[in-house]
Protein backbone atom coordinates (compact mmCIF):
# COMPACT_ATOMS: atom_id res chain seq x y z
CA UNK A 1 0.00 0.00 0.00
CA UNK A 2 1.73 3.08 -1.15
CA UNK A 3 0.99 6.43 0.41
CA UNK A 4 0.62 5.12 3.96
CA UNK A 5 1.82 7.60 6.55
CA UNK A 6 3.44 6.62 9.83
CA UNK A 7 4.02 9.16 12.57
CA UNK A 8 5.98 8.65 15.76
CA UNK A 9 6.19 11.16 18.57
CA UNK A 10 4.74 14.63 18.52
CA UNK A 11 3.27 15.97 15.32
CA UNK A 12 1.80 19.41 14.85
CA UNK A 13 0.14 20.73 11.72
CA UNK A 14 -1.07 24.32 11.65
CA UNK A 15 -2.78 26.01 8.77
CA UNK A 16 -2.87 29.77 9.16
CA UNK A 17 -4.16 31.32 12.35
CA UNK A 18 -2.39 33.65 14.70
CA UNK A 19 -0.60 33.40 18.01
CA UNK A 20 0.14 29.72 17.46
CA UNK A 21 2.13 28.27 20.30
CA UNK A 22 2.70 24.70 19.18
CA UNK A 23 3.04 22.00 21.80
CA UNK A 24 3.23 23.08 25.42
CA UNK A 25 3.97 19.99 27.48
CA UNK A 26 3.99 21.90 30.77
CA UNK A 27 7.35 20.49 31.76
CA UNK A 28 8.79 22.18 34.78
CA UNK A 29 11.92 21.77 36.85
CA UNK A 30 10.96 20.92 40.39
CA UNK A 31 12.60 22.31 43.49
CA UNK A 32 13.98 18.81 44.11
CA UNK A 33 15.92 19.01 40.83
CA UNK A 34 17.49 22.34 41.70
CA UNK A 35 18.36 21.03 45.18
CA UNK A 36 19.97 18.00 43.57
CA UNK A 37 21.90 20.29 41.23
CA UNK A 38 23.17 22.33 44.15
CA UNK A 39 24.17 19.16 45.98
CA UNK A 40 25.95 17.86 42.89
CA UNK A 41 27.78 21.14 42.39
CA UNK A 42 28.94 21.14 46.02
CA UNK A 43 30.07 17.51 45.76
CA UNK A 44 32.02 18.16 42.55
CA UNK A 45 33.66 21.29 43.96
CA UNK A 46 34.74 19.35 47.06
CA UNK A 47 36.08 16.56 44.86
CA UNK A 48 38.05 19.03 42.74
CA UNK A 49 39.54 20.59 45.87
CA UNK A 50 40.59 17.18 47.21
CA UNK A 51 41.96 16.11 43.83
CA UNK A 52 44.19 19.18 43.63
CA UNK A 53 45.60 18.30 47.03
CA UNK A 54 46.09 14.65 46.04
CA UNK A 55 47.81 15.64 42.78
CA UNK A 56 50.69 17.16 44.72
CA UNK A 57 51.20 13.95 46.69
CA UNK A 58 51.36 11.32 43.95
CA UNK A 59 54.02 10.34 41.39
CA UNK A 60 54.31 12.43 38.22
CA UNK A 61 52.53 9.87 35.99
CA UNK A 62 49.56 9.75 38.35
CA UNK A 63 49.53 13.56 38.59
CA UNK A 64 49.32 13.75 34.78
CA UNK A 65 46.40 11.30 34.76
CA UNK A 66 44.63 13.45 37.35
CA UNK A 67 45.29 16.60 35.28
CA UNK A 68 43.90 14.86 32.20
CA UNK A 69 40.78 13.81 34.13
CA UNK A 70 39.89 17.09 35.83
CA UNK A 71 38.43 18.87 32.75
CA UNK A 72 35.73 16.19 32.40
CA UNK A 73 34.66 16.85 36.00
CA UNK A 74 34.51 20.62 35.82
CA UNK A 75 30.97 21.99 36.24
CA UNK A 76 31.69 24.38 33.34
CA UNK A 77 32.24 21.49 30.92
CA UNK A 78 29.56 19.71 28.94
CA UNK A 79 31.39 16.37 29.15
CA UNK A 80 29.76 13.22 27.86
CA UNK A 81 28.58 10.89 30.66
CA UNK A 82 31.04 8.18 29.63
CA UNK A 83 33.94 10.67 29.73
CA UNK A 84 32.88 11.87 33.17
CA UNK A 85 32.60 8.29 34.40
CA UNK A 86 36.01 7.42 32.96
CA UNK A 87 37.56 10.43 34.71
CA UNK A 88 35.96 9.51 38.03
CA UNK A 89 37.20 5.92 37.74
CA UNK A 90 40.74 7.06 36.89
CA UNK A 91 40.83 9.35 39.91
CA UNK A 92 39.32 6.67 42.14
CA UNK A 93 41.96 4.19 40.98
CA UNK A 94 44.79 6.55 41.82
CA UNK A 95 43.22 7.44 45.17
CA UNK A 96 42.83 3.76 46.05
CA UNK A 97 46.49 3.00 45.34
CA UNK A 98 47.89 5.66 47.67
CA UNK A 99 46.13 4.42 50.79
CA UNK A 100 45.05 6.77 53.56
CA UNK A 101 46.15 9.85 51.61
CA UNK A 102 43.64 9.03 48.87
CA UNK A 103 40.75 7.96 51.13
CA UNK A 104 38.99 11.37 51.18
CA UNK A 105 39.20 11.54 47.38
CA UNK A 106 37.83 8.03 47.05
CA UNK A 107 34.89 8.93 49.30
CA UNK A 108 34.25 12.11 47.31
CA UNK A 109 34.27 10.15 44.03
CA UNK A 110 31.76 7.69 45.49
CA UNK A 111 29.56 10.57 46.63
CA UNK A 112 29.55 12.07 43.10
CA UNK A 113 28.86 8.68 41.54
CA UNK A 114 25.97 8.20 43.93
CA UNK A 115 24.50 11.55 42.93
CA UNK A 116 24.92 10.64 39.27
CA UNK A 117 22.94 7.47 39.87
CA UNK A 118 25.89 5.11 39.91
CA UNK A 119 26.80 5.74 36.27
């Protein structure tokens, strides 16, 4: 049967008229979302502070890995989720290998991962 039409998702057809708005799905950001964003921002900032401290206490190769990972964690960066996860895992690995010195960083990484939903 030729000429069949299949539509998936939203479809809007308007013919003339004025003040057309289109689709208004009434999607709103709840206060819980903004609270979660503030919590995430605070957790990431704390992690970045701890990572800077750790960077000065690890071998040069590990310090370079940390430096390479930090941009993916920055709140100003639109990093892909897999890049962010990879950076968190790299930092966690380094923190785990240095023992007690890395423990606060490891805890901060776990806190961020928890807020991200365990990505």
